[in-house]
Amino acid sequence: MKEISLNDTVYNLVKQYPEIRELIISLGFEPLRSDKMLNTAGRIMTIGKALKRNDVPEELFVETLAKNGFSVKELAISAVTVAPSESEEPSAPTGGIARMGSTEFQERQDILQSLILRLHRGEDWDAVQADFKKHFTGVSAYEISVMEQGLMGKGIDAEDIQRLCNVHASLFGGSIEAVYTTSAEQQHAGHPIQVMKLENLAIENTLEKISKLLAVYLETKEPEIKKGIQNQLNLLGEFDKHYARKEYAIFPIMENKGITAPPKVMWGVDDEIRSMFKEFRPLLQ
């Protein structure tokens, strides 16, 4: 059995085990058919991060590789379970991400909404987080979006949910898991969803470069480093076009399907990011 790690880059894995490329593509990573994509994004993207970006559960990845003679070093971290609790919240059954409409799914929703409503009422953050950890070791991004929709149905304004966004993101921390909902069509190069995922990756990489350059500049005050930061900020400024496409192309489709809370919350967060970027740029002049 050949062992790989989720921390390996896609490029290094394919270079070491060429046969793994088709296995990864079979899971929906259609862009990897392109050598250019493999030699650019593949060099910086770890397989673990790629799974999350493409909404592929680690369990599915592990199972597919195991059938072809590979094992994954971090196998143990792929389990998503719910632990029993003695707290005042409703108890949740043991298991993975629940199917929409199932009793388990609704029970998990009741607990999540109860936790966030406690924060909304001003209860102690540490106490709420402790209860969260008693109930969950993982929640899905999809569950969070349904939770937001449910909270709006209970009369919580989108602005209040947005205000709590950073709080509940911190509450869930590293417990947020991907859910495999991406269709094969969406994985094709040029599909709007695939393009937006690649743009997300580009934005993330640019932010990482800015962070590293800033650390160096604060130590050295070198003009060339400052110029490099400004160049990266020019690239980062393209995020506004990405947000606009999401807001005017994707959000209306969601709203037409009755999914109204996540777009309202995300749009508000997008505007906050725009304001922060506008305030940050002059600091480097």
C-alpha atoms as a PDB file:
ATOM      1  CA  MET A   1       0.000   0.000   0.000  1.00  0.00           C
ATOM      2  CA  LYS A   2       1.457   3.361  -1.064  1.00  0.00           C
ATOM      3  CA  GLU A   3       0.991   6.107   1.536  1.00  0.00           C
ATOM      4  CA  ILE A   4       0.260   9.733   0.688  1.00  0.00           C
ATOM      5  CA  SER A   5      -0.467  12.790   2.811  1.00  0.00           C
ATOM      6  CA  LEU A   6      -3.203  15.410   2.526  1.00  0.00           C
ATOM      7  CA  ASN A   7      -0.401  17.950   2.954  1.00  0.00           C
ATOM      8  CA  ASP A   8       1.296  16.859  -0.295  1.00  0.00           C
ATOM      9  CA  THR A   9       0.832  19.217  -3.240  1.00  0.00           C
ATOM     10  CA  VAL A  10      -1.170  17.897  -6.164  1.00  0.00           C
ATOM     11  CA  TYR A  11       1.862  18.401  -8.413  1.00  0.00           C
ATOM     12  CA  ASN A  12       4.194  16.373  -6.188  1.00  0.00           C
ATOM     13  CA  LEU A  13       1.679  13.549  -5.860  1.00  0.00           C
ATOM     14  CA  VAL A  14       1.187  13.280  -9.611  1.00  0.00           C
ATOM     15  CA  LYS A  15       4.939  13.492 -10.192  1.00  0.00           C
ATOM     16  CA  GLN A  16       5.576  10.678  -7.700  1.00  0.00           C
ATOM     17  CA  TYR A  17       2.558   8.567  -8.685  1.00  0.00           C
ATOM     18  CA  PRO A  18       1.443   9.438 -12.253  1.00  0.00           C
ATOM     19  CA  GLU A  19      -1.432   6.961 -12.015  1.00  0.00           C
ATOM     20  CA  ILE A  20      -3.042   9.019  -9.252  1.00  0.00           C
ATOM     21  CA  ARG A  21      -3.863  11.807 -11.702  1.00  0.00           C
ATOM     22  CA  GLU A  22      -6.748   9.919 -13.301  1.00  0.00           C
ATOM     23  CA  LEU A  23      -8.048   8.905  -9.885  1.00  0.00           C
ATOM     24  CA  ILE A  24      -8.169  12.546  -8.801  1.00  0.00           C
ATOM     25  CA  ILE A  25      -9.784  13.604 -12.082  1.00  0.00           C
ATOM     26  CA  SER A  26     -12.434  10.888 -11.631  1.00  0.00           C
ATOM     27  CA  LEU A  27     -13.519  12.627  -8.423  1.00  0.00           C
ATOM     28  CA  GLY A  28     -14.383  15.784 -10.359  1.00  0.00           C
ATOM     29  CA  PHE A  29     -11.005  17.526 -10.696  1.00  0.00           C
ATOM     30  CA  GLU A  30     -11.477  17.961 -14.442  1.00  0.00           C
ATOM     31  CA  PRO A  31      -9.101  20.976 -14.706  1.00  0.00           C
ATOM     32  CA  LEU A  32      -6.201  18.647 -13.828  1.00  0.00           C
ATOM     33  CA  ARG A  33      -6.360  17.280 -17.371  1.00  0.00           C
ATOM     34  CA  SER A  34      -4.577  20.510 -18.248  1.00  0.00           C
ATOM     35  CA  ASP A  35      -0.795  20.289 -17.824  1.00  0.00           C
ATOM     36  CA  LYS A  36      -0.750  24.060 -17.376  1.00  0.00           C
ATOM     37  CA  MET A  37      -3.128  23.833 -14.420  1.00  0.00           C
ATOM     38  CA  LEU A  38      -1.104  21.009 -12.887  1.00  0.00           C
ATOM     39  CA  ASN A  39       2.147  22.954 -13.248  1.00  0.00           C
ATOM     40  CA  THR A  40       0.763  26.204 -11.812  1.00  0.00           C
ATOM     41  CA  ALA A  41      -2.028  25.826  -9.257  1.00  0.00           C
ATOM     42  CA  GLY A  42      -1.017  22.205  -8.684  1.00  0.00           C
ATOM     43  CA  ARG A  43       2.382  23.261  -7.348  1.00  0.00           C
ATOM     44  CA  ILE A  44       0.910  25.304  -4.488  1.00  0.00           C
ATOM     45  CA  MET A  45      -2.370  23.510  -3.818  1.00  0.00           C
ATOM     46  CA  THR A  46      -2.206  20.643  -1.314  1.00  0.00           C
ATOM     47  CA  ILE A  47      -4.496  17.713  -1.953  1.00  0.00           C
ATOM     48  CA  GLY A  48      -6.279  18.412   1.344  1.00  0.00           C
ATOM     49  CA  LYS A  49      -7.012  21.990   0.341  1.00  0.00           C
ATOM     50  CA  ALA A  50      -8.063  20.857  -3.147  1.00  0.00           C
ATOM     51  CA  LEU A  51     -10.623  18.476  -1.657  1.00  0.00           C
ATOM     52  CA  LYS A  52     -12.184  21.307   0.336  1.00  0.00           C
ATOM     53  CA  ARG A  53     -12.123  23.726  -2.609  1.00  0.00           C
ATOM     54  CA  ASN A  54     -13.954  21.194  -4.798  1.00  0.00           C
ATOM     55  CA  ASP A  55     -16.375  20.019  -2.082  1.00  0.00           C
ATOM     56  CA  VAL A  56     -15.087  16.432  -2.192  1.00  0.00           C
ATOM     57  CA  PRO A  57     -15.362  14.632   1.179  1.00  0.00           C
ATOM     58  CA  GLU A  58     -12.078  13.242   2.457  1.00  0.00           C
ATOM     59  CA  GLU A  59     -13.905   9.953   3.106  1.00  0.00           C
ATOM     60  CA  LEU A  60     -14.720   9.589  -0.602  1.00  0.00           C
ATOM     61  CA  PHE A  61     -11.135  10.420  -1.543  1.00  0.00           C
ATOM     62  CA  VAL A  62      -9.744   7.872   0.934  1.00  0.00           C
ATOM     63  CA  GLU A  63     -12.133   5.166  -0.289  1.00  0.00           C
ATOM     64  CA  THR A  64     -11.300   5.772  -3.957  1.00  0.00           C
ATOM     65  CA  LEU A  65      -7.557   5.661  -3.335  1.00  0.00           C
ATOM     66  CA  ALA A  66      -7.779   2.586  -1.100  1.00  0.00           C
ATOM     67  CA  LYS A  67      -9.365   0.640  -3.961  1.00  0.00           C
ATOM     68  CA  ASN A  68      -6.307   1.480  -6.047  1.00  0.00           C
ATOM     69  CA  GLY A  69      -3.563   0.642  -3.573  1.00  0.00           C
ATOM     70  CA  PHE A  70      -3.132   3.975  -1.765  1.00  0.00           C
ATOM     71  CA  SER A  71      -3.562   4.907   1.873  1.00  0.00           C
ATOM     72  CA  VAL A  72      -3.883   8.389   3.377  1.00  0.00           C
ATOM     73  CA  LYS A  73      -1.759   9.233   6.406  1.00  0.00           C
ATOM     74  CA  GLU A  74      -4.416  11.480   7.969  1.00  0.00           C
ATOM     75  CA  LEU A  75      -7.214   8.910   7.584  1.00  0.00           C
ATOM     76  CA  ALA A  76      -8.374   9.444  11.150  1.00  0.00           C
ATOM     77  CA  ILE A  77      -9.152  13.139  10.652  1.00  0.00           C
ATOM     78  CA  SER A  78     -11.745  12.500   7.964  1.00  0.00           C
ATOM     79  CA  ALA A  79     -14.420  11.254  10.360  1.00  0.00           C
ATOM     80  CA  VAL A  80     -17.216  13.708  11.162  1.00  0.00           C
ATOM     81  CA  THR A  81     -19.128  12.676  14.261  1.00  0.00           C
ATOM     82  CA  VAL A  82     -21.509  14.137  16.787  1.00  0.00           C
ATOM     83  CA  ALA A  83     -20.773  13.484  20.445  1.00  0.00           C
ATOM     84  CA  PRO A  84     -23.452  13.024  23.133  1.00  0.00           C
ATOM     85  CA  SER A  85     -23.985  15.887  25.567  1.00  0.00           C
ATOM     86  CA  GLU A  86     -25.589  16.627  28.891  1.00  0.00           C
ATOM     87  CA  SER A  87     -26.065  20.336  28.152  1.00  0.00           C
ATOM     88  CA  GLU A  88     -29.416  22.075  27.902  1.00  0.00           C
ATOM     89  CA  GLU A  89     -29.469  21.886  24.084  1.00  0.00           C
ATOM     90  CA  PRO A  90     -31.320  18.982  22.374  1.00  0.00           C
ATOM     91  CA  SER A  91     -29.195  15.866  22.030  1.00  0.00           C
ATOM     92  CA  ALA A  92     -27.859  14.960  18.601  1.00  0.00           C
ATOM     93  CA  PRO A  93     -27.396  11.411  17.291  1.00  0.00           C
ATOM     94  CA  THR A  94     -24.011   9.998  16.395  1.00  0.00           C
ATOM     95  CA  GLY A  95     -23.150  10.078  12.696  1.00  0.00           C
ATOM     96  CA  GLY A  96     -21.792  12.076   9.782  1.00  0.00           C
ATOM     97  CA  ILE A  97     -23.329  14.960   7.863  1.00  0.00           C
ATOM     98  CA  ALA A  98     -27.050  14.277   7.897  1.00  0.00           C
ATOM     99  CA  ARG A  99     -29.236  14.092   4.808  1.00  0.00           C
ATOM    100  CA  MET A 100     -31.442  17.144   4.184  1.00  0.00           C
ATOM    101  CA  GLY A 101     -34.957  16.502   5.492  1.00  0.00           C
ATOM    102  CA  SER A 102     -33.941  13.670   7.821  1.00  0.00           C
ATOM    103  CA  THR A 103     -34.742  13.715  11.532  1.00  0.00           C
ATOM    104  CA  GLU A 104     -31.033  13.839  12.335  1.00  0.00           C
ATOM    105  CA  PHE A 105     -30.534  16.858  10.067  1.00  0.00           C
ATOM    106  CA  GLN A 106     -33.340  18.761  11.796  1.00  0.00           C
ATOM    107  CA  GLU A 107     -31.996  17.863  15.242  1.00  0.00           C
ATOM    108  CA  ARG A 108     -28.594  19.227  14.265  1.00  0.00           C
ATOM    109  CA  GLN A 109     -30.254  22.385  12.932  1.00  0.00           C
ATOM    110  CA  ASP A 110     -32.132  22.876  16.205  1.00  0.00           C
ATOM    111  CA  ILE A 111     -28.870  22.671  18.156  1.00  0.00           C
ATOM    112  CA  LEU A 112     -26.954  25.003  15.826  1.00  0.00           C
ATOM    113  CA  GLN A 113     -29.712  27.605  15.846  1.00  0.00           C
ATOM    114  CA  SER A 114     -29.984  27.354  19.627  1.00  0.00           C
ATOM    115  CA  LEU A 115     -26.251  27.989  20.014  1.00  0.00           C
ATOM    116  CA  ILE A 116     -26.284  31.046  17.741  1.00  0.00           C
ATOM    117  CA  LEU A 117     -29.416  32.447  19.399  1.00  0.00           C
ATOM    118  CA  ARG A 118     -27.602  32.212  22.731  1.00  0.00           C
ATOM    119  CA  LEU A 119     -24.784  34.323  21.269  1.00  0.00           C
ATOM    120  CA  HIS A 120     -27.397  36.717  19.891  1.00  0.00           C
ATOM    121  CA  ARG A 121     -28.765  37.135  23.428  1.00  0.00           C
ATOM    122  CA  GLY A 122     -25.282  37.994  24.653  1.00  0.00           C
ATOM    123  CA  GLU A 123     -24.416  34.773  26.489  1.00  0.00           C
ATOM    124  CA  ASP A 124     -20.797  34.001  27.302  1.00  0.00           C
ATOM    125  CA  TRP A 125     -18.904  32.954  24.164  1.00  0.00           C
ATOM    126  CA  ASP A 126     -16.725  30.390  25.966  1.00  0.00           C
ATOM    127  CA  ALA A 127     -19.768  28.663  27.459  1.00  0.00           C
ATOM    128  CA  VAL A 128     -21.494  28.460  24.075  1.00  0.00           C
ATOM    129  CA  GLN A 129     -18.345  27.138  22.415  1.00  0.00           C
ATOM    130  CA  ALA A 130     -17.981  24.486  25.125  1.00  0.00           C
ATOM    131  CA  ASP A 131     -21.531  23.295  24.431  1.00  0.00           C
ATOM    132  CA  PHE A 132     -20.819  23.293  20.695  1.00  0.00           C
ATOM    133  CA  LYS A 133     -17.828  21.010  21.250  1.00  0.00           C
ATOM    134  CA  LYS A 134     -19.948  18.677  23.382  1.00  0.00           C
ATOM    135  CA  HIS A 135     -22.405  18.202  20.535  1.00  0.00           C
ATOM    136  CA  PHE A 136     -20.252  18.374  17.406  1.00  0.00           C
ATOM    137  CA  THR A 137     -16.869  17.559  15.991  1.00  0.00           C
ATOM    138  CA  GLY A 138     -17.936  18.760  12.544  1.00  0.00           C
ATOM    139  CA  VAL A 139     -20.599  20.777  10.737  1.00  0.00           C
ATOM    140  CA  SER A 140     -20.958  21.380   7.019  1.00  0.00           C
ATOM    141  CA  ALA A 141     -20.961  24.704   5.209  1.00  0.00           C
ATOM    142  CA  TYR A 142     -24.366  23.635   3.857  1.00  0.00           C
ATOM    143  CA  GLU A 143     -25.710  23.160   7.383  1.00  0.00           C
ATOM    144  CA  ILE A 144     -24.545  26.661   8.266  1.00  0.00           C
ATOM    145  CA  SER A 145     -26.378  28.146   5.260  1.00  0.00           C
ATOM    146  CA  VAL A 146     -29.590  26.315   6.210  1.00  0.00           C
ATOM    147  CA  MET A 147     -29.119  27.500   9.792  1.00  0.00           C
ATOM    148  CA  GLU A 148     -28.886  31.123   8.606  1.00  0.00           C
ATOM    149  CA  GLN A 149     -32.077  30.650   6.595  1.00  0.00           C
ATOM    150  CA  GLY A 150     -33.799  29.220   9.668  1.00  0.00           C
ATOM    151  CA  LEU A 151     -32.685  32.109  11.874  1.00  0.00           C
ATOM    152  CA  MET A 152     -34.144  34.627   9.434  1.00  0.00           C
ATOM    153  CA  GLY A 153     -37.372  32.637   9.556  1.00  0.00           C
ATOM    154  CA  LYS A 154     -37.366  33.221  13.314  1.00  0.00           C
ATOM    155  CA  GLY A 155     -37.154  36.973  12.865  1.00  0.00           C
ATOM    156  CA  ILE A 156     -33.398  37.540  13.078  1.00  0.00           C
ATOM    157  CA  ASP A 157     -32.372  40.270  10.613  1.00  0.00           C
ATOM    158  CA  ALA A 158     -29.768  39.545   7.941  1.00  0.00           C
ATOM    159  CA  GLU A 159     -27.721  42.410   9.414  1.00  0.00           C
ATOM    160  CA  ASP A 160     -27.692  40.708  12.821  1.00  0.00           C
ATOM    161  CA  ILE A 161     -26.648  37.396  11.280  1.00  0.00           C
ATOM    162  CA  GLN A 162     -23.931  39.241   9.388  1.00  0.00           C
ATOM    163  CA  ARG A 163     -22.789  40.862  12.640  1.00  0.00           C
ATOM    164  CA  LEU A 164     -22.550  37.419  14.197  1.00  0.00           C
ATOM    165  CA  CYS A 165     -20.743  36.001  11.167  1.00  0.00           C
ATOM    166  CA  ASN A 166     -17.239  36.379  12.577  1.00  0.00           C
ATOM    167  CA  VAL A 167     -18.431  35.169  15.962  1.00  0.00           C
ATOM    168  CA  HIS A 168     -19.980  31.938  14.753  1.00  0.00           C
ATOM    169  CA  ALA A 169     -17.147  31.375  12.275  1.00  0.00           C
ATOM    170  CA  SER A 170     -14.815  31.487  15.258  1.00  0.00           C
ATOM    171  CA  LEU A 171     -17.206  29.280  17.226  1.00  0.00           C
ATOM    172  CA  PHE A 172     -17.187  26.576  14.556  1.00  0.00           C
ATOM    173  CA  GLY A 173     -13.464  27.104  13.932  1.00  0.00           C
ATOM    174  CA  GLY A 174     -11.854  24.162  12.144  1.00  0.00           C
ATOM    175  CA  SER A 175     -15.023  22.101  12.513  1.00  0.00           C
ATOM    176  CA  ILE A 176     -16.510  23.238   9.194  1.00  0.00           C
ATOM    177  CA  GLU A 177     -16.522  20.375   6.695  1.00  0.00           C
ATOM    178  CA  ALA A 178     -17.123  20.365   2.943  1.00  0.00           C
ATOM    179  CA  VAL A 179     -20.174  18.650   1.491  1.00  0.00           C
ATOM    180  CA  TYR A 180     -20.014  16.952  -1.885  1.00  0.00           C
ATOM    181  CA  THR A 181     -22.622  18.834  -3.906  1.00  0.00           C
ATOM    182  CA  THR A 182     -20.691  19.841  -7.019  1.00  0.00           C
ATOM    183  CA  SER A 183     -21.991  18.326 -10.255  1.00  0.00           C
ATOM    184  CA  ALA A 184     -19.720  16.877 -12.920  1.00  0.00           C
ATOM    185  CA  GLU A 185     -20.822  19.694 -15.241  1.00  0.00           C
ATOM    186  CA  GLN A 186     -19.612  22.315 -12.770  1.00  0.00           C
ATOM    187  CA  GLN A 187     -16.140  20.756 -12.776  1.00  0.00           C
ATOM    188  CA  HIS A 188     -15.617  21.389 -16.510  1.00  0.00           C
ATOM    189  CA  ALA A 189     -13.077  24.070 -17.381  1.00  0.00           C
ATOM    190  CA  GLY A 190     -14.912  27.298 -18.185  1.00  0.00           C
ATOM    191  CA  HIS A 191     -18.034  26.517 -16.163  1.00  0.00           C
ATOM    192  CA  PRO A 192     -18.944  29.631 -14.094  1.00  0.00           C
ATOM    193  CA  ILE A 193     -18.738  27.748 -10.793  1.00  0.00           C
ATOM    194  CA  GLN A 194     -15.353  26.274 -11.690  1.00  0.00           C
ATOM    195  CA  VAL A 195     -14.082  29.707 -12.753  1.00  0.00           C
ATOM    196  CA  MET A 196     -15.188  31.224  -9.442  1.00  0.00           C
ATOM    197  CA  LYS A 197     -13.449  28.467  -7.485  1.00  0.00           C
ATOM    198  CA  LEU A 198     -10.222  29.129  -9.355  1.00  0.00           C
ATOM    199  CA  GLU A 199     -10.637  32.860  -8.704  1.00  0.00           C
ATOM    200  CA  ASN A 200     -11.060  32.101  -5.000  1.00  0.00           C
ATOM    201  CA  LEU A 201      -7.786  30.203  -5.130  1.00  0.00           C
ATOM    202  CA  ALA A 202      -6.061  33.114  -6.887  1.00  0.00           C
ATOM    203  CA  ILE A 203      -7.349  35.572  -4.262  1.00  0.00           C
ATOM    204  CA  GLU A 204      -6.155  33.318  -1.451  1.00  0.00           C
ATOM    205  CA  ASN A 205      -2.708  32.942  -3.002  1.00  0.00           C
ATOM    206  CA  THR A 206      -2.416  36.722  -3.475  1.00  0.00           C
ATOM    207  CA  LEU A 207      -3.334  37.315   0.164  1.00  0.00           C
ATOM    208  CA  GLU A 208      -0.682  34.832   1.256  1.00  0.00           C
ATOM    209  CA  LYS A 209       1.936  36.655  -0.834  1.00  0.00           C
ATOM    210  CA  ILE A 210       0.919  40.032   0.614  1.00  0.00           C
ATOM    211  CA  SER A 211       1.127  38.635   4.133  1.00  0.00           C
ATOM    212  CA  LYS A 212       4.657  37.320   3.568  1.00  0.00           C
ATOM    213  CA  LEU A 213       5.812  40.523   1.874  1.00  0.00           C
ATOM    214  CA  LEU A 214       4.372  42.655   4.673  1.00  0.00           C
ATOM    215  CA  ALA A 215       6.267  40.639   7.266  1.00  0.00           C
ATOM    216  CA  VAL A 216       9.512  41.275   5.379  1.00  0.00           C
ATOM    217  CA  TYR A 217       8.734  44.957   4.790  1.00  0.00           C
ATOM    218  CA  LEU A 218       8.024  45.618   8.466  1.00  0.00           C
ATOM    219  CA  GLU A 219      11.499  44.300   9.229  1.00  0.00           C
ATOM    220  CA  THR A 220      13.481  45.858   6.366  1.00  0.00           C
ATOM    221  CA  LYS A 221      11.479  48.869   5.059  1.00  0.00           C
ATOM    222  CA  GLU A 222      12.948  48.051   1.636  1.00  0.00           C
ATOM    223  CA  PRO A 223      11.335  50.154  -1.164  1.00  0.00           C
ATOM    224  CA  GLU A 224      11.363  47.185  -3.555  1.00  0.00           C
ATOM    225  CA  ILE A 225       9.407  45.085  -1.071  1.00  0.00           C
ATOM    226  CA  LYS A 226       6.878  47.906  -0.735  1.00  0.00           C
ATOM    227  CA  LYS A 227       6.583  48.042  -4.516  1.00  0.00           C
ATOM    228  CA  GLY A 228       5.967  44.301  -4.566  1.00  0.00           C
ATOM    229  CA  ILE A 229       3.166  44.688  -2.029  1.00  0.00           C
ATOM    230  CA  GLN A 230       1.566  47.434  -4.112  1.00  0.00           C
ATOM    231  CA  ASN A 231       1.727  45.228  -7.213  1.00  0.00           C
ATOM    232  CA  GLN A 232       0.021  42.410  -5.328  1.00  0.00           C
ATOM    233  CA  LEU A 233      -2.618  44.838  -4.049  1.00  0.00           C
ATOM    234  CA  ASN A 234      -3.365  45.814  -7.646  1.00  0.00           C
ATOM    235  CA  LEU A 235      -3.989  42.143  -8.391  1.00  0.00           C
ATOM    236  CA  LEU A 236      -6.051  41.726  -5.233  1.00  0.00           C
ATOM    237  CA  GLY A 237      -8.217  44.668  -6.271  1.00  0.00           C
ATOM    238  CA  GLU A 238      -9.684  42.442  -8.978  1.00  0.00           C
ATOM    239  CA  PHE A 239     -11.643  40.669  -6.224  1.00  0.00           C
ATOM    240  CA  ASP A 240     -14.402  43.257  -6.648  1.00  0.00           C
ATOM    241  CA  LYS A 241     -15.194  41.910 -10.125  1.00  0.00           C
ATOM    242  CA  HIS A 242     -15.316  38.396  -8.652  1.00  0.00           C
ATOM    243  CA  TYR A 243     -17.733  39.538  -5.943  1.00  0.00           C
ATOM    244  CA  ALA A 244     -19.912  41.359  -8.474  1.00  0.00           C
ATOM    245  CA  ARG A 245     -20.237  38.241 -10.641  1.00  0.00           C
ATOM    246  CA  LYS A 246     -21.187  36.219  -7.580  1.00  0.00           C
ATOM    247  CA  GLU A 247     -23.703  38.803  -6.392  1.00  0.00           C
ATOM    248  CA  TYR A 248     -25.407  39.428  -9.729  1.00  0.00           C
ATOM    249  CA  ALA A 249     -25.128  35.984 -11.343  1.00  0.00           C
ATOM    250  CA  ILE A 250     -25.219  33.437  -8.515  1.00  0.00           C
ATOM    251  CA  PHE A 251     -27.244  35.105  -5.766  1.00  0.00           C
ATOM    252  CA  PRO A 252     -30.391  35.667  -7.905  1.00  0.00           C
ATOM    253  CA  ILE A 253     -30.447  31.951  -8.758  1.00  0.00           C
ATOM    254  CA  MET A 254     -30.231  31.075  -5.065  1.00  0.00           C
ATOM    255  CA  GLU A 255     -32.973  33.543  -4.193  1.00  0.00           C
ATOM    256  CA  ASN A 256     -35.243  32.163  -6.929  1.00  0.00           C
ATOM    257  CA  LYS A 257     -34.838  28.765  -5.256  1.00  0.00           C
ATOM    258  CA  GLY A 258     -35.943  30.238  -1.939  1.00  0.00           C
ATOM    259  CA  ILE A 259     -32.409  30.417  -0.490  1.00  0.00           C
ATOM    260  CA  THR A 260     -32.494  34.029   0.625  1.00  0.00           C
ATOM    261  CA  ALA A 261     -30.508  34.250   3.875  1.00  0.00           C
ATOM    262  CA  PRO A 262     -26.991  33.238   2.717  1.00  0.00           C
ATOM    263  CA  PRO A 263     -26.942  35.724  -0.217  1.00  0.00           C
ATOM    264  CA  LYS A 264     -28.022  38.609   2.041  1.00  0.00           C
ATOM    265  CA  VAL A 265     -25.427  37.729   4.671  1.00  0.00           C
ATOM    266  CA  MET A 266     -22.640  37.157   2.130  1.00  0.00           C
ATOM    267  CA  TRP A 267     -23.415  40.390   0.270  1.00  0.00           C
ATOM    268  CA  GLY A 268     -23.138  42.300   3.527  1.00  0.00           C
ATOM    269  CA  VAL A 269     -19.810  40.631   4.322  1.00  0.00           C
ATOM    270  CA  ASP A 270     -18.601  41.386   0.786  1.00  0.00           C
ATOM    271  CA  ASP A 271     -19.341  45.082   1.338  1.00  0.00           C
ATOM    272  CA  GLU A 272     -17.412  45.002   4.621  1.00  0.00           C
ATOM    273  CA  ILE A 273     -14.409  43.526   2.801  1.00  0.00           C
ATOM    274  CA  ARG A 274     -14.663  46.219   0.115  1.00  0.00           C
ATOM    275  CA  SER A 275     -14.578  48.892   2.831  1.00  0.00           C
ATOM    276  CA  MET A 276     -11.584  47.301   4.568  1.00  0.00           C
ATOM    277  CA  PHE A 277      -9.668  47.076   1.292  1.00  0.00           C
ATOM    278  CA  LYS A 278     -10.442  50.735   0.529  1.00  0.00           C
ATOM    279  CA  GLU A 279      -9.100  51.738   3.960  1.00  0.00           C
ATOM    280  CA  PHE A 280      -6.008  49.546   3.692  1.00  0.00           C
ATOM    281  CA  ARG A 281      -4.636  50.722   0.355  1.00  0.00           C
ATOM    282  CA  PRO A 282      -3.743  54.294   1.431  1.00  0.00           C
ATOM    283  CA  LEU A 283      -1.700  52.926   4.344  1.00  0.00           C
ATOM    284  CA  LEU A 284       1.016  51.894   1.893  1.00  0.00           C
ATOM    285  CA  GLN A 285       1.291  55.244   0.132  1.00  0.00           C
END
